[in-house]
Amino acid sequence: MIKNVAIIGGGPAGCALACFLAERSIECMIFDDNKRPALIVGESLIPAAIPIIRRLGIEQEIAKFSELKKGAGLRHGSGSPRVDFEFQKSANGTPDYAYNIPRAQFDAVLRKRAQTLGVRFIEHRAKVVATKDNSERDVQLSDESLAVAGLSRARQPDLLIDATGRKRLFSKLLGIEADHGPRNDIAHFAHFENYQSDSAIPGQIVISVLDCGWSWQIPLPGRTSVGVVFNNSAAQSYGNTAAERLENVMQHNPVLSKQGFQRVSEVMTYSNYQLLSKLGYGNGWILLGDAFGFVDPMLSPGVFMSLESARLLDERVFKNRASTQPQLELQLDQYVQEMRQWHKAWSFLIEHFYDGRILTLGEMRPRIDDTTPWYSFGRLADRFIGRLLSRLISGAGTRSKFNQAMLTYTCQFMLWDLDKLNSYKVKTEMRASLDESALINSAEKSDQVAA
């Protein structure tokens, strides 16, 4: 039924799907204006993304300009407790490493790969219109976009795929509602030189609970990406601009306060962190990647979810193309169901960090030293927790009901101190003791840092 496809949006999800379609000899074009912000959220991959990157044939190219990532670290703003763990190989082929990626270069490699496979790129911001009284398609390309692509009304693509990310082109046009997450967060981040990341393992991303929310440190070649995430109301207390807020949070939290570093990029802002569309497809259209839904970036699932959505759509729909409409709808239902399972699994895991359970579990680990017998409960529990977190956070076992149950039961039987749980929670408000006088003239300081 599907012989030609138009993908709107040339990010990781759109380009990855186009590569898969080209392998199956399905005619494919991508509408993309090739305009990108200076920095894009999603600079750290998880190990589960590597098998997809290998299938795309771009891992060697990605490795040339990326930072090898061997693990992750979670910690409290006071510096303790801290949970460090290394990724581990899994039976399903997930490796024990990932990469921290400069997104502009990563996206460019994906685009080049799609072009090499024969995908046609149309440098144009596609316009779509809702159709009326048409049982075969709900949306179609506008006459202008068809003309730019060299098509006519009679040659509308069989299928339109929305890969426009957070712009959510089709959902806004068709009025598709979405489920939102429980948090109202905003993020500010930038790149810094001479910033000493707190990585204890090569390429380790470090996530810290702060007075006002949480932060990330991502080692990149020659620089470090530092970001802070806090409730939108708390953000106002740290300044009027993104640069002021980022600088003030970094100055007033010991885990981020450093000496001698320099900001070498503008400060970028992202908001609206958790969203999942109530519909994933309709007559003649499908939602892909962030256009379908995006999860909290705390554990770096963003780029993986974009690539995984392309892999799933290819596996469920294009690998065995349906010959009837009911068959196609059944395949699309499977795609949507699996995507919802992924979102639910990530939300489950991330909530365990927000409410303090993972950090509280990690507090027992520093008490174990070389003199502790291997058969002791502490050492066995330490090894078990490390492996469990690795499977969950690496993407190798995130959707596993068994792993989720093990995390739930471990927390139930090992966490009894409610005061510690409360102290390790990610706060939604700025701490009351913040010296407001220190926020004065922060705009001038920000200009000096950005010089």
Protein backbone atom coordinates (compact mmCIF):
# COMPACT_ATOMS: atom_id res chain seq x y z
CA MET A 1 0.00 0.00 0.00
CA ILE A 2 2.86 2.40 0.80
CA LYS A 3 5.18 3.09 -2.13
CA ASN A 4 6.41 6.61 -1.39
CA VAL A 5 6.80 8.58 1.82
CA ALA A 6 7.39 12.22 2.70
CA ILE A 7 9.07 12.90 6.05
CA ILE A 8 8.75 16.40 7.46
CA GLY A 9 11.79 17.18 9.60
CA GLY A 10 15.41 16.13 9.11
CA GLY A 11 16.51 15.47 12.68
CA PRO A 12 17.72 12.10 14.02
CA ALA A 13 14.30 10.44 13.86
CA GLY A 14 13.51 11.58 10.32
CA CYS A 15 16.95 10.82 8.89
CA ALA A 16 17.18 7.41 10.56
CA LEU A 17 13.78 6.37 9.23
CA ALA A 18 14.69 7.62 5.76
CA CYS A 19 17.81 5.42 5.82
CA PHE A 20 15.74 2.38 6.76
CA LEU A 21 13.20 3.11 4.02
CA ALA A 22 15.95 3.49 1.45
CA GLU A 23 17.24 0.04 2.41
CA ARG A 24 13.76 -1.31 1.63
CA SER A 25 13.62 0.51 -1.73
CA ILE A 26 10.78 2.74 -0.62
CA GLU A 27 10.88 6.14 -2.32
CA CYS A 28 11.44 8.76 0.36
CA MET A 29 11.90 12.52 0.54
CA ILE A 30 12.66 14.73 3.54
CA PHE A 31 11.39 18.30 3.87
CA ASP A 32 13.80 20.24 6.04
CA ASP A 33 14.81 23.89 6.08
CA ASN A 34 18.21 22.87 7.51
CA LYS A 35 18.01 25.52 10.22
CA ARG A 36 19.22 24.51 13.68
CA PRO A 37 19.85 26.37 16.94
CA ALA A 38 23.45 26.73 18.05
CA LEU A 39 22.98 24.04 20.74
CA ILE A 40 20.45 21.26 20.90
CA VAL A 41 19.45 19.29 23.98
CA GLY A 42 20.43 15.62 23.68
CA GLU A 43 24.23 15.54 23.73
CA SER A 44 24.68 12.22 25.47
CA LEU A 45 23.73 8.82 24.10
CA ILE A 46 22.91 5.68 26.05
CA PRO A 47 24.32 2.23 25.14
CA ALA A 48 21.01 1.05 23.66
CA ALA A 49 21.47 3.58 20.85
CA ILE A 50 24.69 1.96 19.64
CA PRO A 51 23.12 -1.06 17.86
CA ILE A 52 20.90 1.34 15.88
CA ILE A 53 23.89 3.53 15.00
CA ARG A 54 25.76 0.43 13.86
CA ARG A 55 22.86 -0.56 11.63
CA LEU A 56 22.93 2.92 10.13
CA GLY A 57 26.63 2.39 9.42
CA ILE A 58 27.84 5.58 11.09
CA GLU A 59 29.46 4.49 14.37
CA GLN A 60 33.05 4.89 13.17
CA GLU A 61 32.32 8.39 11.92
CA ILE A 62 30.55 9.34 15.15
CA ALA A 63 33.46 8.04 17.26
CA LYS A 64 35.90 10.41 15.53
CA PHE A 65 34.38 13.57 17.03
CA SER A 66 32.65 12.27 20.17
CA GLU A 67 33.64 11.47 23.75
CA LEU A 68 33.54 7.80 24.72
CA LYS A 69 31.08 7.33 27.59
CA LYS A 70 31.58 4.38 29.93
CA GLY A 71 29.11 5.12 32.70
CA ALA A 72 27.03 7.61 34.64
CA GLY A 73 27.00 9.22 38.06
CA LEU A 74 24.18 10.43 40.28
CA ARG A 75 24.87 12.56 43.33
CA HIS A 76 23.51 14.98 45.90
CA GLY A 77 24.41 18.66 45.82
CA SER A 78 26.39 18.33 49.02
CA GLY A 79 28.67 15.86 47.23
CA SER A 80 27.41 12.82 49.14
CA PRO A 81 25.93 10.35 48.55
CA ARG A 82 27.19 9.67 45.07
CA VAL A 83 26.27 6.68 42.90
CA ASP A 84 28.80 5.85 40.16
CA PHE A 85 28.41 2.86 37.91
CA GLU A 86 29.85 1.53 34.67
CA PHE A 87 27.73 0.28 31.81
CA GLN A 88 27.76 -3.47 31.26
CA LYS A 89 27.29 -5.59 28.17
CA SER A 90 23.91 -7.26 27.91
CA ALA A 91 22.71 -10.46 26.31
CA ASN A 92 20.64 -8.55 23.73
CA GLY A 93 23.73 -7.00 22.15
CA THR A 94 23.79 -3.69 23.99
CA PRO A 95 27.46 -2.73 24.52
CA ASP A 96 29.12 -1.38 27.66
CA TYR A 97 29.66 2.11 26.27
CA ALA A 98 28.02 5.01 24.50
CA TYR A 99 29.12 8.44 23.26
CA ASN A 100 28.72 12.07 24.26
CA ILE A 101 28.03 13.79 20.95
CA PRO A 102 28.28 17.34 19.61
CA ARG A 103 24.75 17.39 18.22
CA ALA A 104 25.40 19.54 15.16
CA GLN A 105 28.03 17.10 13.90
CA PHE A 106 25.96 14.06 14.85
CA ASP A 107 22.92 15.34 12.94
CA ALA A 108 25.09 16.24 9.94
CA VAL A 109 26.49 12.69 9.76
CA LEU A 110 22.98 11.22 9.82
CA ARG A 111 21.85 13.58 7.08
CA LYS A 112 24.87 12.73 4.93
CA ARG A 113 24.21 9.02 5.39
CA ALA A 114 20.62 9.42 4.22
CA GLN A 115 21.76 11.36 1.16
CA THR A 116 24.32 8.66 0.36
CA LEU A 117 21.50 6.10 0.37
CA GLY A 118 19.55 8.16 -2.16
CA VAL A 119 17.13 10.04 0.09
CA ARG A 120 16.05 13.32 -1.51
CA PHE A 121 16.25 16.39 0.73
CA ILE A 122 14.04 19.37 -0.05
CA GLU A 123 15.31 22.51 1.68
CA HIS A 124 11.91 23.93 2.43
CA ARG A 125 9.74 24.26 5.53
CA ALA A 126 6.88 22.04 4.47
CA LYS A 127 3.33 23.27 4.84
CA VAL A 128 0.49 20.84 5.37
CA VAL A 129 -3.24 21.43 5.26
CA ALA A 130 -6.10 19.49 6.81
CA THR A 131 -8.34 17.80 4.28
CA LYS A 132 -12.12 17.76 4.49
CA ASP A 133 -14.42 14.92 3.51
CA ASN A 134 -11.48 12.72 2.55
CA SER A 135 -11.57 9.21 3.96
CA GLU A 136 -8.07 8.37 2.73
CA ARG A 137 -6.02 11.18 4.32
CA ASP A 138 -6.45 13.71 7.10
CA VAL A 139 -3.58 15.95 5.97
CA GLN A 140 -1.76 16.65 2.75
CA LEU A 141 1.06 18.80 1.48
CA SER A 142 0.08 22.31 0.41
CA ASP A 143 0.26 23.30 -3.25
CA GLU A 144 3.34 25.39 -2.46
CA SER A 145 5.22 22.48 -0.89
CA LEU A 146 4.18 20.14 -3.69
CA ALA A 147 5.51 22.59 -6.26
CA VAL A 148 8.84 22.95 -4.44
CA ALA A 149 9.16 19.16 -4.44
CA GLY A 150 8.22 18.92 -8.11
CA LEU A 151 4.94 17.15 -7.36
CA SER A 152 1.32 17.80 -8.28
CA ARG A 153 -1.93 17.31 -6.38
CA ALA A 154 -2.34 14.01 -8.14
CA ARG A 155 1.05 12.88 -6.84
CA GLN A 156 0.60 13.37 -3.12
CA PRO A 157 2.88 10.96 -1.21
CA ASP A 158 1.15 7.83 0.05
CA LEU A 159 2.17 8.65 3.59
CA LEU A 160 3.23 11.77 5.51
CA ILE A 161 5.38 11.40 8.61
CA ASP A 162 5.71 14.17 11.18
CA ALA A 163 9.30 14.30 12.44
CA THR A 164 9.20 18.00 13.35
CA GLY A 165 10.07 17.32 17.00
CA ARG A 166 8.62 19.64 19.60
CA LYS A 167 6.98 21.75 16.90
CA ARG A 168 4.44 18.89 16.61
CA LEU A 169 3.18 20.11 13.25
CA PHE A 170 0.42 17.57 12.67
CA SER A 171 -0.84 17.52 16.25
CA LYS A 172 -1.29 21.29 16.29
CA LEU A 173 -2.97 21.28 12.89
CA LEU A 174 -5.39 18.49 13.79
CA GLY A 175 -5.93 19.53 17.42
CA ILE A 176 -4.55 16.28 18.85
CA GLU A 177 -4.42 16.40 22.65
CA ALA A 178 -1.47 15.17 24.70
CA ASP A 179 -0.75 13.87 28.17
CA HIS A 180 1.68 16.08 30.08
CA GLY A 181 4.08 15.03 32.80
CA PRO A 182 3.72 16.10 36.44
CA ARG A 183 6.52 18.68 36.38
CA ASN A 184 6.66 22.23 35.06
CA ASP A 185 10.39 22.53 34.49
CA ILE A 186 12.66 24.75 32.46
CA ALA A 187 16.30 24.11 31.51
CA HIS A 188 19.19 26.47 30.74
CA PHE A 189 22.48 25.11 29.43
CA ALA A 190 25.67 26.16 27.68
CA HIS A 191 29.15 24.95 26.75
CA PHE A 192 32.21 25.79 28.84
CA GLU A 193 35.94 25.50 28.34
CA ASN A 194 38.36 24.71 31.18
CA TYR A 195 35.49 23.34 33.24
CA GLN A 196 36.64 20.37 35.29
CA SER A 197 33.86 17.82 35.07
CA ASP A 198 33.41 15.56 38.09
CA SER A 199 33.51 12.37 36.04
CA ALA A 200 34.94 9.39 37.92
CA ILE A 201 34.68 7.13 34.85
CA PRO A 202 35.78 8.09 31.30
CA GLY A 203 33.10 10.19 29.62
CA GLN A 204 30.78 9.81 32.58
CA ILE A 205 27.76 12.11 32.63
CA VAL A 206 27.17 13.44 36.15
CA ILE A 207 23.66 14.32 37.34
CA SER A 208 23.34 16.23 40.62
CA VAL A 209 20.46 17.19 42.91
CA LEU A 210 20.64 20.95 43.57
CA ASP A 211 18.96 23.34 45.98
CA CYS A 212 16.56 24.34 43.23
CA GLY A 213 16.32 21.28 40.96
CA TRP A 214 19.03 19.25 39.25
CA SER A 215 21.97 19.70 36.90
CA TRP A 216 24.00 17.82 34.32
CA GLN A 217 27.67 17.80 33.34
CA ILE A 218 28.43 16.16 29.99
CA PRO A 219 32.11 15.89 28.93
CA LEU A 220 32.55 16.72 25.24
CA PRO A 221 35.78 16.98 23.23
CA GLY A 222 37.46 20.20 24.38
CA ARG A 223 34.51 21.44 26.42
CA THR A 224 31.80 20.53 28.92
CA SER A 225 28.06 20.92 28.57
CA VAL A 226 26.54 22.17 31.83
CA GLY A 227 22.82 22.53 32.32
CA VAL A 228 20.43 23.26 35.17
CA VAL A 229 16.80 22.20 35.38
CA PHE A 230 14.36 23.74 37.81
CA ASN A 231 10.72 24.57 38.29
CA ASN A 232 9.62 27.49 36.17
CA SER A 233 8.60 29.52 39.24
CA ALA A 234 11.98 28.91 40.92
CA ALA A 235 13.78 30.00 37.75
CA GLN A 236 12.43 33.53 38.13
CA SER A 237 14.23 33.86 41.47
CA TYR A 238 17.63 33.40 39.84
CA GLY A 239 17.46 36.27 37.37
CA ASN A 240 15.66 37.71 34.38
CA THR A 241 17.64 36.10 31.58
CA ALA A 242 18.82 32.59 30.83
CA ALA A 243 22.47 33.64 31.23
CA GLU A 244 21.81 35.21 34.64
CA ARG A 245 19.96 32.16 35.90
CA LEU A 246 22.56 29.66 34.75
CA GLU A 247 25.41 31.68 36.23
CA ASN A 248 23.66 32.21 39.57
CA VAL A 249 22.73 28.56 39.97
CA MET A 250 26.31 27.53 39.22
CA GLN A 251 27.71 30.06 41.70
CA HIS A 252 25.40 29.07 44.56
CA ASN A 253 25.68 25.29 44.31
CA PRO A 254 29.01 23.80 45.45
CA VAL A 255 28.90 20.90 43.00
CA LEU A 256 28.86 23.34 40.06
CA SER A 257 31.01 26.16 41.38
CA LYS A 258 34.43 26.01 39.68
CA GLN A 259 37.38 28.29 39.00
CA GLY A 260 38.90 29.41 35.73
CA PHE A 261 36.24 28.21 33.30
CA GLN A 262 34.80 30.25 30.45
CA ARG A 263 31.46 30.06 28.72
CA VAL A 264 31.98 29.67 24.97
CA SER A 265 28.40 29.45 23.73
CA GLU A 266 25.14 31.24 24.17
CA VAL A 267 22.81 29.95 26.87
CA MET A 268 19.97 27.87 25.44
CA THR A 269 16.57 27.29 27.03
CA TYR A 270 14.21 24.33 26.85
CA SER A 271 10.88 23.82 28.59
CA ASN A 272 7.86 21.49 28.61
CA TYR A 273 9.76 18.34 29.38
CA GLN A 274 7.24 15.51 29.33
CA LEU A 275 4.55 15.05 26.70
CA LEU A 276 2.87 12.14 24.92
CA SER A 277 0.28 12.54 22.15
CA LYS A 278 -3.02 10.76 22.61
CA LEU A 279 -2.92 9.68 18.94
CA GLY A 280 0.10 8.36 17.10
CA TYR A 281 -1.30 7.99 13.60
CA GLY A 282 -4.32 8.65 11.41
CA ASN A 283 -5.42 8.47 7.79
CA GLY A 284 -2.28 8.99 5.75
CA TRP A 285 -0.02 10.22 8.57
CA ILE A 286 2.19 9.01 11.45
CA LEU A 287 3.93 10.78 14.33
CA LEU A 288 7.63 10.00 14.82
CA GLY A 289 10.17 10.79 17.55
CA ASP A 290 9.55 13.91 19.62
CA ALA A 291 6.55 14.75 17.45
CA PHE A 292 4.87 11.73 19.07
CA GLY A 293 6.21 12.33 22.56
CA PHE A 294 9.28 13.30 24.55
CA VAL A 295 10.45 12.31 28.00
CA ASP A 296 12.37 14.05 30.75
CA PRO A 297 16.03 14.30 29.65
CA MET A 298 17.43 13.40 33.08
CA LEU A 299 18.93 10.05 32.04
CA SER A 300 19.72 11.02 28.41
CA PRO A 301 17.03 8.98 26.62
CA GLY A 302 16.14 11.67 24.05
CA VAL A 303 18.24 10.82 20.99
CA PHE A 304 17.84 7.10 21.66
CA MET A 305 14.05 7.48 21.70
CA SER A 306 14.19 9.31 18.36
CA LEU A 307 16.30 6.55 16.80
CA GLU A 308 14.24 3.82 18.47
CA SER A 309 10.97 5.28 17.16
CA ALA A 310 12.41 5.09 13.63
CA ARG A 311 13.59 1.52 14.21
CA LEU A 312 10.24 0.44 15.63
CA LEU A 313 8.23 2.05 12.84
CA ASP A 314 10.43 0.37 10.25
CA GLU A 315 10.25 -2.98 12.05
CA ARG A 316 6.51 -2.96 12.65
CA VAL A 317 5.24 -1.30 9.46
CA PHE A 318 7.74 -1.20 6.62
CA LYS A 319 9.54 -4.52 7.07
CA ASN A 320 6.37 -6.42 6.17
CA ARG A 321 4.21 -3.99 4.27
CA ALA A 322 0.49 -4.50 4.72
CA SER A 323 -1.74 -5.15 1.72
CA THR A 324 -4.98 -4.05 3.39
CA GLN A 325 -5.99 -1.14 5.60
CA PRO A 326 -6.88 -3.35 8.63
CA GLN A 327 -3.43 -4.96 8.48
CA LEU A 328 -1.76 -1.56 8.34
CA GLU A 329 -3.75 -0.30 11.33
CA LEU A 330 -2.79 -3.40 13.32
CA GLN A 331 0.90 -2.76 12.57
CA LEU A 332 0.58 0.90 13.54
CA ASP A 333 -1.16 -0.05 16.77
CA GLN A 334 1.84 -2.22 17.64
CA TYR A 335 4.20 0.68 16.95
CA VAL A 336 2.19 3.07 19.14
CA GLN A 337 1.86 0.52 21.94
CA GLU A 338 5.62 -0.08 22.10
CA MET A 339 6.37 3.63 22.07
CA ARG A 340 3.98 4.12 24.98
CA GLN A 341 5.70 1.30 26.85
CA TRP A 342 9.03 3.06 26.40
CA HIS A 343 7.67 6.37 27.71
CA LYS A 344 6.07 4.69 30.70
CA ALA A 345 9.31 2.82 31.52
CA TRP A 346 11.48 5.96 31.40
CA SER A 347 8.98 7.89 33.52
CA PHE A 348 9.00 5.09 36.11
CA LEU A 349 12.80 5.14 36.35
CA ILE A 350 13.21 8.92 36.36
CA GLU A 351 10.67 9.28 39.15
CA HIS A 352 12.91 7.10 41.34
CA PHE A 353 15.58 9.76 41.02
CA TYR A 354 13.25 12.71 41.54
CA ASP A 355 11.83 11.31 44.78
CA GLY A 356 15.26 10.45 46.23
CA ARG A 357 15.07 6.65 46.16
CA ILE A 358 18.06 5.98 43.90
CA LEU A 359 20.37 8.31 45.81
CA THR A 360 19.24 6.85 49.13
CA LEU A 361 20.01 3.36 47.82
CA GLY A 362 23.43 4.57 46.79
CA GLU A 363 24.30 5.82 50.25
CA MET A 364 25.22 2.33 51.39
CA ARG A 365 27.86 1.89 48.70
CA PRO A 366 30.65 4.08 50.18
CA ARG A 367 30.52 1.97 53.35
CA ILE A 368 31.81 -1.05 51.40
CA ASP A 369 35.61 -1.34 51.12
CA ASP A 370 38.20 -3.93 50.13
CA THR A 371 38.03 -5.59 53.54
CA THR A 372 34.32 -6.36 53.19
CA PRO A 373 33.87 -10.11 52.47
CA TRP A 374 32.53 -10.87 48.99
CA TYR A 375 29.73 -12.97 50.51
CA SER A 376 28.52 -10.21 52.84
CA PHE A 377 25.06 -8.76 52.32
CA GLY A 378 26.52 -5.31 51.70
CA ARG A 379 28.86 -6.38 48.90
CA LEU A 380 26.23 -8.58 47.25
CA ALA A 381 23.68 -5.78 47.47
CA ASP A 382 26.18 -3.29 46.06
CA ARG A 383 26.91 -5.53 43.08
CA PHE A 384 23.21 -6.19 42.53
CA ILE A 385 22.24 -2.51 42.68
CA GLY A 386 25.05 -1.52 40.31
CA ARG A 387 24.02 -4.10 37.71
CA LEU A 388 20.34 -3.30 38.07
CA LEU A 389 20.88 0.44 37.58
CA SER A 390 23.15 -0.23 34.62
CA ARG A 391 20.50 -2.34 32.88
CA LEU A 392 17.78 0.20 33.56
CA ILE A 393 19.66 3.37 32.64
CA SER A 394 21.54 1.95 29.65
CA GLY A 395 18.28 1.16 27.85
CA ALA A 396 19.15 -2.54 27.69
CA GLY A 397 16.57 -3.49 30.33
CA THR A 398 14.55 -0.31 30.83
CA ARG A 399 11.28 -1.85 29.66
CA SER A 400 11.84 -5.12 31.53
CA LYS A 401 9.03 -5.76 34.00
CA PHE A 402 11.42 -7.92 36.00
CA ASN A 403 13.99 -5.11 36.35
CA GLN A 404 11.29 -2.64 37.29
CA ALA A 405 9.93 -5.03 39.91
CA MET A 406 13.43 -5.60 41.33
CA LEU A 407 13.94 -1.85 41.71
CA THR A 408 10.57 -1.49 43.40
CA TYR A 409 11.14 -4.35 45.85
CA THR A 410 14.71 -3.24 46.58
CA CYS A 411 13.50 0.21 47.51
CA GLN A 412 10.66 -1.17 49.63
CA PHE A 413 12.91 -3.46 51.69
CA MET A 414 16.02 -1.30 51.99
CA LEU A 415 14.77 2.28 52.36
CA TRP A 416 13.37 3.08 55.78
CA ASP A 417 14.71 6.54 56.60
CA LEU A 418 12.04 8.95 55.36
CA ASP A 419 14.10 11.99 56.40
CA LYS A 420 16.91 10.97 54.06
CA LEU A 421 14.46 10.30 51.27
CA ASN A 422 13.04 13.79 51.68
CA SER A 423 16.50 15.38 51.80
CA TYR A 424 17.55 13.67 48.57
CA LYS A 425 14.46 14.65 46.61
CA VAL A 426 14.74 17.02 43.68
CA LYS A 427 13.35 20.27 45.03
CA THR A 428 10.91 22.43 43.14
CA GLU A 429 11.65 25.69 44.98
CA MET A 430 14.76 27.77 45.58
CA ARG A 431 16.25 27.34 49.04
CA ALA A 432 15.21 30.14 51.39
CA SER A 433 18.76 30.96 52.50
CA LEU A 434 19.93 32.09 49.06
CA ASP A 435 21.64 35.46 49.37
CA GLU A 436 19.53 37.64 47.11
CA SER A 437 22.14 40.41 47.15
CA ALA A 438 24.44 38.08 45.23
CA LEU A 439 22.01 38.19 42.32
CA ILE A 440 22.47 41.91 41.78
CA ASN A 441 24.33 42.92 38.61
CA SER A 442 24.37 39.31 37.41
CA ALA A 443 23.70 40.53 33.88
CA GLU A 444 27.07 42.29 33.86
CA LYS A 445 28.79 39.17 35.18
CA SER A 446 27.14 37.07 32.48
CA ASP A 447 28.48 39.37 29.79
CA GLN A 448 31.99 38.98 31.21
CA VAL A 449 31.74 35.18 31.28
CA ALA A 450 30.47 35.12 27.68
CA ALA A 451 33.23 37.41 26.38
